[in-house]
Amino acid sequence: MCTIQIGSGSLFDLRSNLKEEIARWEEDGIDLNIEEKRLGKYNFLHFTINGQEAAKPNEEVFRQQITWLVTDLLLDQVSKKLLQRMIRIDHPYLSKKEAEALSKQVVCTLTKSGEKERFFRIQKEVESFLDENDSIFLEGFLRFRLKDYFFELKENLEETIEEFLADKEYQEFIKLLQYFVEIQEPKVIEVHVIFYSKDNFRLLDEEEKPLDQEYLLKALGDLREEGLKYEDLLLSALITLSPQRIILHHSKSSNIVNTILNVFKERVAFCRDCELCRNTEEKE
């Protein structure tokens, strides 16, 4: 008889993840005896092939299927659970829901990048290990036998968390600006924003005349003294004016354009073919 043991930590529900595979093996005629044993906080499933006739072919087929199954578990559920545990330890301020979403995102990102190569590489490691051993502990195997993949997970996790926190901070910033816009009375009906270059803009009123209100000049003057970038100056000017309508001329996709859209939403319109746009093109 052939017995193979698959073990996992308490964070990973091994039996439920193997339910479908076990049913398929039984349908394929593999006569299995399955025992579940616990060793402290660790859980082990013991798979034993019953019967003596044609034992060798059955054992080879079963070992191959176990290899595929273990590889799938390592690249999916085990990776996600280890990532969630790392998040809980290194980033305890993140919620359980956020940790689950981030771990899933990391695994999905790696799956899309070099999926087949990574699968075959890990499959060979699992196959080599099971040729010499009848017991495999999933989390330990990933951490110590698949060190390159484990560090790949960690690196991608940190990058994903950095992007997540930056986006979260940006969304909070946008909400604050939206609040400022909502509580202010519009000071002008319409503002035309002319983009001359990536660091030069001009504001015109509804009659397409340059805006020169004292309160706006003062606000921009104070901000210029603080050494802010042009994007900050433009955003501050628009929030100060809080116009009912903003028309962006000759604009290209950029951070500042996206921010204006997020803050002012339905107040924003685009124009790419008017006299102001054509004049801007001539000056480039």
C-alpha atoms as a PDB file:
ATOM      1  CA  MET A   1       0.000   0.000   0.000  1.00  0.00           C
ATOM      2  CA  CYS A   2       1.090   3.541  -0.713  1.00  0.00           C
ATOM      3  CA  THR A   3       0.504   6.295   1.838  1.00  0.00           C
ATOM      4  CA  ILE A   4       1.103  10.011   1.196  1.00  0.00           C
ATOM      5  CA  GLN A   5       0.608  12.695   3.844  1.00  0.00           C
ATOM      6  CA  ILE A   6      -0.257  16.319   3.107  1.00  0.00           C
ATOM      7  CA  GLY A   7      -0.052  18.715   6.042  1.00  0.00           C
ATOM      8  CA  SER A   8      -1.012  22.336   6.598  1.00  0.00           C
ATOM      9  CA  GLY A   9      -1.202  24.907   9.369  1.00  0.00           C
ATOM     10  CA  SER A  10      -4.344  26.030  11.131  1.00  0.00           C
ATOM     11  CA  LEU A  11      -4.763  28.981   8.740  1.00  0.00           C
ATOM     12  CA  PHE A  12      -5.513  26.655   5.879  1.00  0.00           C
ATOM     13  CA  ASP A  13      -8.587  24.382   5.675  1.00  0.00           C
ATOM     14  CA  LEU A  14      -7.019  21.458   3.855  1.00  0.00           C
ATOM     15  CA  ARG A  15      -9.956  19.050   3.759  1.00  0.00           C
ATOM     16  CA  SER A  16     -12.450  21.484   2.239  1.00  0.00           C
ATOM     17  CA  ASN A  17      -9.982  22.450  -0.489  1.00  0.00           C
ATOM     18  CA  LEU A  18      -9.453  18.804  -1.436  1.00  0.00           C
ATOM     19  CA  LYS A  19     -13.105  17.745  -1.424  1.00  0.00           C
ATOM     20  CA  GLU A  20     -13.612  18.008  -5.196  1.00  0.00           C
ATOM     21  CA  GLU A  21     -10.303  16.295  -5.995  1.00  0.00           C
ATOM     22  CA  ILE A  22     -11.065  13.421  -3.632  1.00  0.00           C
ATOM     23  CA  ALA A  23     -14.459  12.896  -5.291  1.00  0.00           C
ATOM     24  CA  ARG A  24     -12.861  12.914  -8.752  1.00  0.00           C
ATOM     25  CA  TRP A  25     -10.215  10.378  -7.715  1.00  0.00           C
ATOM     26  CA  GLU A  26     -12.925   8.056  -6.424  1.00  0.00           C
ATOM     27  CA  GLU A  27     -14.845   8.446  -9.706  1.00  0.00           C
ATOM     28  CA  ASP A  28     -11.659   7.488 -11.578  1.00  0.00           C
ATOM     29  CA  GLY A  29     -11.591   4.213  -9.666  1.00  0.00           C
ATOM     30  CA  ILE A  30      -8.761   4.971  -7.254  1.00  0.00           C
ATOM     31  CA  ASP A  31      -9.624   3.174  -4.020  1.00  0.00           C
ATOM     32  CA  LEU A  32      -8.487   5.531  -1.248  1.00  0.00           C
ATOM     33  CA  ASN A  33      -8.540   5.421   2.508  1.00  0.00           C
ATOM     34  CA  ILE A  34      -8.328   8.951   3.951  1.00  0.00           C
ATOM     35  CA  GLU A  35      -7.511   9.712   7.563  1.00  0.00           C
ATOM     36  CA  GLU A  36      -7.367  13.164   9.113  1.00  0.00           C
ATOM     37  CA  LYS A  37      -4.952  13.664  11.994  1.00  0.00           C
ATOM     38  CA  ARG A  38      -3.965  16.720  14.000  1.00  0.00           C
ATOM     39  CA  LEU A  39      -0.575  17.398  15.480  1.00  0.00           C
ATOM     40  CA  GLY A  40      -0.900  20.447  17.692  1.00  0.00           C
ATOM     41  CA  LYS A  41      -2.117  23.273  15.452  1.00  0.00           C
ATOM     42  CA  TYR A  42      -1.193  21.353  12.303  1.00  0.00           C
ATOM     43  CA  ASN A  43      -3.557  19.239  10.255  1.00  0.00           C
ATOM     44  CA  PHE A  44      -2.513  16.203   8.168  1.00  0.00           C
ATOM     45  CA  LEU A  45      -4.447  14.157   5.644  1.00  0.00           C
ATOM     46  CA  HIS A  46      -3.179  10.594   5.125  1.00  0.00           C
ATOM     47  CA  PHE A  47      -4.003   9.158   1.692  1.00  0.00           C
ATOM     48  CA  THR A  48      -3.612   5.378   1.348  1.00  0.00           C
ATOM     49  CA  ILE A  49      -4.226   3.462  -1.884  1.00  0.00           C
ATOM     50  CA  ASN A  50      -6.018   0.214  -1.054  1.00  0.00           C
ATOM     51  CA  GLY A  51      -5.617  -3.107  -2.834  1.00  0.00           C
ATOM     52  CA  GLN A  52      -2.640  -5.065  -4.080  1.00  0.00           C
ATOM     53  CA  GLU A  53      -3.505  -5.684  -7.742  1.00  0.00           C
ATOM     54  CA  ALA A  54      -2.095  -3.154 -10.226  1.00  0.00           C
ATOM     55  CA  ALA A  55      -0.716  -1.293  -7.239  1.00  0.00           C
ATOM     56  CA  LYS A  56       2.337   0.077  -9.060  1.00  0.00           C
ATOM     57  CA  PRO A  57       0.442   1.792 -11.924  1.00  0.00           C
ATOM     58  CA  ASN A  58      -2.128   3.156  -9.463  1.00  0.00           C
ATOM     59  CA  GLU A  59       0.614   4.511  -7.216  1.00  0.00           C
ATOM     60  CA  GLU A  60       2.397   6.262 -10.110  1.00  0.00           C
ATOM     61  CA  VAL A  61      -0.819   7.841 -11.363  1.00  0.00           C
ATOM     62  CA  PHE A  62      -1.811   8.887  -7.870  1.00  0.00           C
ATOM     63  CA  ARG A  63       1.588  10.414  -7.108  1.00  0.00           C
ATOM     64  CA  GLN A  64       1.377  12.432 -10.307  1.00  0.00           C
ATOM     65  CA  GLN A  65      -2.091  13.670  -9.389  1.00  0.00           C
ATOM     66  CA  ILE A  66      -0.913  14.544  -5.873  1.00  0.00           C
ATOM     67  CA  THR A  67       1.981  16.484  -7.415  1.00  0.00           C
ATOM     68  CA  TRP A  68      -0.388  18.551  -9.562  1.00  0.00           C
ATOM     69  CA  LEU A  69      -2.737  19.098  -6.648  1.00  0.00           C
ATOM     70  CA  VAL A  70       0.008  20.216  -4.256  1.00  0.00           C
ATOM     71  CA  THR A  71       1.412  22.581  -6.904  1.00  0.00           C
ATOM     72  CA  ASP A  72      -2.023  24.168  -7.371  1.00  0.00           C
ATOM     73  CA  LEU A  73      -2.483  24.535  -3.620  1.00  0.00           C
ATOM     74  CA  LEU A  74       0.946  26.129  -3.175  1.00  0.00           C
ATOM     75  CA  LEU A  75       0.345  28.671  -5.943  1.00  0.00           C
ATOM     76  CA  ASP A  76      -3.166  29.542  -4.790  1.00  0.00           C
ATOM     77  CA  GLN A  77      -4.592  28.936  -1.316  1.00  0.00           C
ATOM     78  CA  VAL A  78      -1.328  28.424   0.559  1.00  0.00           C
ATOM     79  CA  SER A  79       0.194  31.563  -0.995  1.00  0.00           C
ATOM     80  CA  LYS A  80      -2.884  33.632  -0.126  1.00  0.00           C
ATOM     81  CA  LYS A  81      -2.960  32.427   3.483  1.00  0.00           C
ATOM     82  CA  LEU A  82       0.755  33.079   3.990  1.00  0.00           C
ATOM     83  CA  LEU A  83       0.370  36.563   2.513  1.00  0.00           C
ATOM     84  CA  GLN A  84      -2.577  37.290   4.808  1.00  0.00           C
ATOM     85  CA  ARG A  85      -0.509  36.182   7.776  1.00  0.00           C
ATOM     86  CA  MET A  86       2.371  38.468   6.729  1.00  0.00           C
ATOM     87  CA  ILE A  87      -0.044  41.370   6.358  1.00  0.00           C
ATOM     88  CA  ARG A  88      -1.498  40.721   9.814  1.00  0.00           C
ATOM     89  CA  ILE A  89       1.997  40.728  11.356  1.00  0.00           C
ATOM     90  CA  ASP A  90       3.675  43.547   9.374  1.00  0.00           C
ATOM     91  CA  HIS A  91       0.627  45.728   8.643  1.00  0.00           C
ATOM     92  CA  PRO A  92      -1.848  45.200  11.505  1.00  0.00           C
ATOM     93  CA  TYR A  93      -3.653  48.469  10.671  1.00  0.00           C
ATOM     94  CA  LEU A  94      -5.128  46.842   7.549  1.00  0.00           C
ATOM     95  CA  SER A  95      -8.505  45.154   7.961  1.00  0.00           C
ATOM     96  CA  LYS A  96      -9.136  41.463   7.376  1.00  0.00           C
ATOM     97  CA  LYS A  97     -11.103  42.312   4.226  1.00  0.00           C
ATOM     98  CA  GLU A  98      -8.254  44.469   2.909  1.00  0.00           C
ATOM     99  CA  ALA A  99      -5.707  41.724   3.690  1.00  0.00           C
ATOM    100  CA  GLU A 100      -7.760  39.156   1.788  1.00  0.00           C
ATOM    101  CA  ALA A 101      -8.140  41.470  -1.212  1.00  0.00           C
ATOM    102  CA  LEU A 102      -4.434  42.366  -1.277  1.00  0.00           C
ATOM    103  CA  SER A 103      -3.280  38.747  -1.007  1.00  0.00           C
ATOM    104  CA  LYS A 104      -5.636  37.772  -3.815  1.00  0.00           C
ATOM    105  CA  GLN A 105      -4.335  40.645  -5.944  1.00  0.00           C
ATOM    106  CA  VAL A 106      -0.704  39.581  -5.441  1.00  0.00           C
ATOM    107  CA  VAL A 107      -1.442  35.968  -6.413  1.00  0.00           C
ATOM    108  CA  CYS A 108      -3.467  37.059  -9.451  1.00  0.00           C
ATOM    109  CA  THR A 109      -0.685  39.395 -10.574  1.00  0.00           C
ATOM    110  CA  LEU A 110       1.908  36.618 -10.366  1.00  0.00           C
ATOM    111  CA  THR A 111      -0.469  34.212 -12.127  1.00  0.00           C
ATOM    112  CA  LYS A 112      -0.733  36.569 -15.096  1.00  0.00           C
ATOM    113  CA  SER A 113       3.055  36.959 -15.247  1.00  0.00           C
ATOM    114  CA  GLY A 114       4.920  33.795 -16.216  1.00  0.00           C
ATOM    115  CA  GLU A 115       2.185  31.425 -15.042  1.00  0.00           C
ATOM    116  CA  LYS A 116       3.220  28.307 -16.998  1.00  0.00           C
ATOM    117  CA  GLU A 117       6.934  28.674 -16.308  1.00  0.00           C
ATOM    118  CA  ARG A 118       6.319  29.173 -12.586  1.00  0.00           C
ATOM    119  CA  PHE A 119       3.890  26.236 -12.405  1.00  0.00           C
ATOM    120  CA  PHE A 120       6.290  23.799 -14.092  1.00  0.00           C
ATOM    121  CA  ARG A 121       9.210  25.014 -11.978  1.00  0.00           C
ATOM    122  CA  ILE A 122       7.321  24.436  -8.725  1.00  0.00           C
ATOM    123  CA  GLN A 123       5.813  21.206 -10.010  1.00  0.00           C
ATOM    124  CA  LYS A 124       9.308  19.809 -10.576  1.00  0.00           C
ATOM    125  CA  GLU A 125      10.299  20.772  -7.028  1.00  0.00           C
ATOM    126  CA  VAL A 126       7.216  19.039  -5.612  1.00  0.00           C
ATOM    127  CA  GLU A 127       7.751  15.965  -7.789  1.00  0.00           C
ATOM    128  CA  SER A 128      11.393  15.712  -6.756  1.00  0.00           C
ATOM    129  CA  PHE A 129      10.464  16.036  -3.088  1.00  0.00           C
ATOM    130  CA  LEU A 130       7.706  13.403  -3.225  1.00  0.00           C
ATOM    131  CA  ASP A 131      10.024  10.966  -5.008  1.00  0.00           C
ATOM    132  CA  GLU A 132      12.049  10.830  -1.797  1.00  0.00           C
ATOM    133  CA  ASN A 133       9.364  11.609   0.803  1.00  0.00           C
ATOM    134  CA  ASP A 134       5.845  10.421   1.558  1.00  0.00           C
ATOM    135  CA  SER A 135       4.924  13.470   3.630  1.00  0.00           C
ATOM    136  CA  ILE A 136       4.829  17.161   2.674  1.00  0.00           C
ATOM    137  CA  PHE A 137       3.967  20.140   4.878  1.00  0.00           C
ATOM    138  CA  LEU A 138       2.683  22.847   2.531  1.00  0.00           C
ATOM    139  CA  GLU A 139       3.591  26.105   4.320  1.00  0.00           C
ATOM    140  CA  GLY A 140       7.036  24.833   5.289  1.00  0.00           C
ATOM    141  CA  PHE A 141       7.699  23.602   1.759  1.00  0.00           C
ATOM    142  CA  LEU A 142       6.778  27.005   0.298  1.00  0.00           C
ATOM    143  CA  ARG A 143       8.874  28.981   2.752  1.00  0.00           C
ATOM    144  CA  PHE A 144      12.036  26.845   2.744  1.00  0.00           C
ATOM    145  CA  ARG A 145      12.044  24.741  -0.437  1.00  0.00           C
ATOM    146  CA  LEU A 146      10.584  27.449  -2.708  1.00  0.00           C
ATOM    147  CA  LYS A 147      12.627  30.377  -1.368  1.00  0.00           C
ATOM    148  CA  ASP A 148      12.760  32.223  -4.700  1.00  0.00           C
ATOM    149  CA  TYR A 149       8.996  32.072  -5.074  1.00  0.00           C
ATOM    150  CA  PHE A 150       8.490  33.007  -1.405  1.00  0.00           C
ATOM    151  CA  PHE A 151      10.636  36.149  -1.783  1.00  0.00           C
ATOM    152  CA  GLU A 152       8.807  36.918  -5.031  1.00  0.00           C
ATOM    153  CA  LEU A 153       5.562  36.859  -3.067  1.00  0.00           C
ATOM    154  CA  LYS A 154       6.981  39.159  -0.374  1.00  0.00           C
ATOM    155  CA  GLU A 155       8.339  41.688  -2.861  1.00  0.00           C
ATOM    156  CA  ASN A 156       5.082  41.833  -4.791  1.00  0.00           C
ATOM    157  CA  LEU A 157       3.146  42.153  -1.542  1.00  0.00           C
ATOM    158  CA  GLU A 158       5.117  45.202  -0.406  1.00  0.00           C
ATOM    159  CA  GLU A 159       4.727  46.865  -3.808  1.00  0.00           C
ATOM    160  CA  THR A 160       0.987  46.144  -3.792  1.00  0.00           C
ATOM    161  CA  ILE A 161       0.567  47.531  -0.269  1.00  0.00           C
ATOM    162  CA  GLU A 162       2.490  50.699  -1.161  1.00  0.00           C
ATOM    163  CA  GLU A 163       0.225  51.260  -4.173  1.00  0.00           C
ATOM    164  CA  PHE A 164      -2.857  50.497  -2.093  1.00  0.00           C
ATOM    165  CA  LEU A 165      -1.899  52.970   0.645  1.00  0.00           C
ATOM    166  CA  ALA A 166      -1.019  55.657  -1.902  1.00  0.00           C
ATOM    167  CA  ASP A 167      -4.385  55.182  -3.626  1.00  0.00           C
ATOM    168  CA  LYS A 168      -6.190  55.200  -0.278  1.00  0.00           C
ATOM    169  CA  GLU A 169      -4.479  58.449   0.694  1.00  0.00           C
ATOM    170  CA  TYR A 170      -5.363  59.930  -2.714  1.00  0.00           C
ATOM    171  CA  GLN A 171      -9.031  58.949  -2.350  1.00  0.00           C
ATOM    172  CA  GLU A 172      -9.179  60.568   1.098  1.00  0.00           C
ATOM    173  CA  PHE A 173      -7.591  63.703  -0.380  1.00  0.00           C
ATOM    174  CA  ILE A 174     -10.182  63.739  -3.177  1.00  0.00           C
ATOM    175  CA  LYS A 175     -13.037  63.404  -0.673  1.00  0.00           C
ATOM    176  CA  LEU A 176     -11.677  66.365   1.293  1.00  0.00           C
ATOM    177  CA  LEU A 177     -11.469  68.508  -1.845  1.00  0.00           C
ATOM    178  CA  GLN A 178     -14.976  67.466  -2.859  1.00  0.00           C
ATOM    179  CA  TYR A 179     -16.194  68.612   0.543  1.00  0.00           C
ATOM    180  CA  PHE A 180     -14.518  72.021   0.104  1.00  0.00           C
ATOM    181  CA  VAL A 181     -16.162  72.414  -3.310  1.00  0.00           C
ATOM    182  CA  GLU A 182     -19.603  71.374  -2.042  1.00  0.00           C
ATOM    183  CA  ILE A 183     -19.687  73.828   0.862  1.00  0.00           C
ATOM    184  CA  GLN A 184     -18.529  76.820  -1.209  1.00  0.00           C
ATOM    185  CA  GLU A 185     -20.776  79.089  -3.213  1.00  0.00           C
ATOM    186  CA  PRO A 186     -19.610  79.304  -6.858  1.00  0.00           C
ATOM    187  CA  LYS A 187     -17.705  82.556  -7.382  1.00  0.00           C
ATOM    188  CA  VAL A 188     -17.888  82.336 -11.176  1.00  0.00           C
ATOM    189  CA  ILE A 189     -20.249  80.619 -13.602  1.00  0.00           C
ATOM    190  CA  GLU A 190     -17.668  79.119 -15.948  1.00  0.00           C
ATOM    191  CA  VAL A 191     -13.901  78.722 -16.142  1.00  0.00           C
ATOM    192  CA  HIS A 192     -11.887  77.785 -19.224  1.00  0.00           C
ATOM    193  CA  VAL A 193      -8.599  76.056 -18.485  1.00  0.00           C
ATOM    194  CA  ILE A 194      -6.040  76.404 -21.278  1.00  0.00           C
ATOM    195  CA  PHE A 195      -3.111  73.984 -21.105  1.00  0.00           C
ATOM    196  CA  TYR A 196      -0.131  75.476 -22.925  1.00  0.00           C
ATOM    197  CA  SER A 197       2.347  72.879 -21.753  1.00  0.00           C
ATOM    198  CA  LYS A 198       2.814  70.327 -18.987  1.00  0.00           C
ATOM    199  CA  ASP A 199       3.700  73.125 -16.538  1.00  0.00           C
ATOM    200  CA  ASN A 200       1.838  76.150 -17.902  1.00  0.00           C
ATOM    201  CA  PHE A 201      -1.878  76.987 -17.858  1.00  0.00           C
ATOM    202  CA  ARG A 202      -4.220  79.972 -18.092  1.00  0.00           C
ATOM    203  CA  LEU A 203      -7.707  80.563 -16.707  1.00  0.00           C
ATOM    204  CA  LEU A 204     -10.446  82.419 -18.582  1.00  0.00           C
ATOM    205  CA  ASP A 205     -13.952  83.340 -17.475  1.00  0.00           C
ATOM    206  CA  GLU A 206     -17.247  82.571 -19.291  1.00  0.00           C
ATOM    207  CA  GLU A 207     -16.531  85.400 -21.747  1.00  0.00           C
ATOM    208  CA  GLU A 208     -13.123  83.861 -22.450  1.00  0.00           C
ATOM    209  CA  LYS A 209     -11.378  86.786 -20.758  1.00  0.00           C
ATOM    210  CA  PRO A 210      -8.431  86.264 -18.369  1.00  0.00           C
ATOM    211  CA  LEU A 211      -9.440  85.898 -14.749  1.00  0.00           C
ATOM    212  CA  ASP A 212      -7.823  88.588 -12.653  1.00  0.00           C
ATOM    213  CA  GLN A 213      -9.937  88.700  -9.510  1.00  0.00           C
ATOM    214  CA  GLU A 214      -7.989  90.011  -6.561  1.00  0.00           C
ATOM    215  CA  TYR A 215      -8.936  87.097  -4.319  1.00  0.00           C
ATOM    216  CA  LEU A 216      -7.633  84.647  -6.924  1.00  0.00           C
ATOM    217  CA  LEU A 217      -4.382  86.520  -7.510  1.00  0.00           C
ATOM    218  CA  LYS A 218      -3.818  86.726  -3.777  1.00  0.00           C
ATOM    219  CA  ALA A 219      -4.477  83.020  -3.290  1.00  0.00           C
ATOM    220  CA  LEU A 220      -2.120  82.039  -6.094  1.00  0.00           C
ATOM    221  CA  GLY A 221       0.487  84.498  -4.902  1.00  0.00           C
ATOM    222  CA  ASP A 222       0.523  82.994  -1.420  1.00  0.00           C
ATOM    223  CA  LEU A 223       0.759  79.506  -2.842  1.00  0.00           C
ATOM    224  CA  ARG A 224       3.606  80.402  -5.191  1.00  0.00           C
ATOM    225  CA  GLU A 225       5.615  81.543  -2.222  1.00  0.00           C
ATOM    226  CA  GLU A 226       5.237  78.038  -0.808  1.00  0.00           C
ATOM    227  CA  GLY A 227       6.946  76.603  -3.901  1.00  0.00           C
ATOM    228  CA  LEU A 228       4.040  74.399  -4.957  1.00  0.00           C
ATOM    229  CA  LYS A 229       3.919  72.736  -8.369  1.00  0.00           C
ATOM    230  CA  TYR A 230       1.696  74.079 -11.114  1.00  0.00           C
ATOM    231  CA  GLU A 231      -0.786  71.224 -10.613  1.00  0.00           C
ATOM    232  CA  ASP A 232      -1.313  72.340  -7.006  1.00  0.00           C
ATOM    233  CA  LEU A 233      -1.710  75.969  -8.078  1.00  0.00           C
ATOM    234  CA  LEU A 234      -4.270  75.073 -10.736  1.00  0.00           C
ATOM    235  CA  LEU A 235      -6.277  72.874  -8.387  1.00  0.00           C
ATOM    236  CA  SER A 236      -6.208  75.520  -5.654  1.00  0.00           C
ATOM    237  CA  ALA A 237      -7.372  78.186  -8.109  1.00  0.00           C
ATOM    238  CA  LEU A 238     -10.304  76.053  -9.264  1.00  0.00           C
ATOM    239  CA  ILE A 239     -11.318  75.215  -5.707  1.00  0.00           C
ATOM    240  CA  THR A 240     -11.076  78.900  -4.765  1.00  0.00           C
ATOM    241  CA  LEU A 241     -13.335  79.828  -7.696  1.00  0.00           C
ATOM    242  CA  SER A 242     -15.590  76.757  -7.331  1.00  0.00           C
ATOM    243  CA  PRO A 243     -17.110  77.353 -10.803  1.00  0.00           C
ATOM    244  CA  GLN A 244     -20.392  75.830 -11.905  1.00  0.00           C
ATOM    245  CA  ARG A 245     -18.714  74.597 -15.060  1.00  0.00           C
ATOM    246  CA  ILE A 246     -15.088  73.862 -15.996  1.00  0.00           C
ATOM    247  CA  ILE A 247     -14.021  73.488 -19.629  1.00  0.00           C
ATOM    248  CA  LEU A 248     -10.635  71.884 -20.216  1.00  0.00           C
ATOM    249  CA  HIS A 249      -9.081  72.922 -23.527  1.00  0.00           C
ATOM    250  CA  HIS A 250      -6.459  70.950 -25.381  1.00  0.00           C
ATOM    251  CA  SER A 251      -5.956  68.717 -22.351  1.00  0.00           C
ATOM    252  CA  LYS A 252      -4.262  65.340 -22.361  1.00  0.00           C
ATOM    253  CA  SER A 253      -4.652  62.532 -19.877  1.00  0.00           C
ATOM    254  CA  SER A 254      -2.606  63.415 -16.809  1.00  0.00           C
ATOM    255  CA  ASN A 255      -2.725  63.317 -13.023  1.00  0.00           C
ATOM    256  CA  ILE A 256      -4.041  66.855 -12.741  1.00  0.00           C
ATOM    257  CA  VAL A 257      -6.776  66.285 -15.339  1.00  0.00           C
ATOM    258  CA  ASN A 258      -7.882  63.104 -13.549  1.00  0.00           C
ATOM    259  CA  THR A 259      -7.887  64.913 -10.209  1.00  0.00           C
ATOM    260  CA  ILE A 260     -10.016  67.750 -11.590  1.00  0.00           C
ATOM    261  CA  LEU A 261     -12.461  65.165 -12.951  1.00  0.00           C
ATOM    262  CA  ASN A 262     -12.608  63.333  -9.613  1.00  0.00           C
ATOM    263  CA  VAL A 263     -13.154  66.496  -7.601  1.00  0.00           C
ATOM    264  CA  PHE A 264     -15.568  68.416  -9.832  1.00  0.00           C
ATOM    265  CA  LYS A 265     -17.187  65.425 -11.579  1.00  0.00           C
ATOM    266  CA  GLU A 266     -20.166  66.493 -13.745  1.00  0.00           C
ATOM    267  CA  ARG A 267     -19.027  70.125 -13.723  1.00  0.00           C
ATOM    268  CA  VAL A 268     -16.136  69.235 -16.073  1.00  0.00           C
ATOM    269  CA  ALA A 269     -16.323  69.232 -19.872  1.00  0.00           C
ATOM    270  CA  PHE A 270     -13.645  68.775 -22.552  1.00  0.00           C
ATOM    271  CA  CYS A 271     -13.015  70.832 -25.664  1.00  0.00           C
ATOM    272  CA  ARG A 272     -10.417  69.953 -28.289  1.00  0.00           C
ATOM    273  CA  ASP A 273     -11.558  71.871 -31.360  1.00  0.00           C
ATOM    274  CA  CYS A 274     -12.318  75.528 -30.815  1.00  0.00           C
ATOM    275  CA  GLU A 275     -10.491  78.784 -31.411  1.00  0.00           C
ATOM    276  CA  LEU A 276      -8.840  78.562 -27.977  1.00  0.00           C
ATOM    277  CA  CYS A 277      -7.664  74.995 -28.680  1.00  0.00           C
ATOM    278  CA  ARG A 278      -6.299  75.931 -32.119  1.00  0.00           C
ATOM    279  CA  ASN A 279      -4.466  78.926 -30.701  1.00  0.00           C
ATOM    280  CA  THR A 280      -2.908  76.681 -28.098  1.00  0.00           C
ATOM    281  CA  GLU A 281      -1.729  74.252 -30.788  1.00  0.00           C
ATOM    282  CA  GLU A 282      -0.100  77.096 -32.722  1.00  0.00           C
ATOM    283  CA  LYS A 283       1.895  78.140 -29.641  1.00  0.00           C
ATOM    284  CA  GLU A 284       3.302  74.653 -29.021  1.00  0.00           C
END
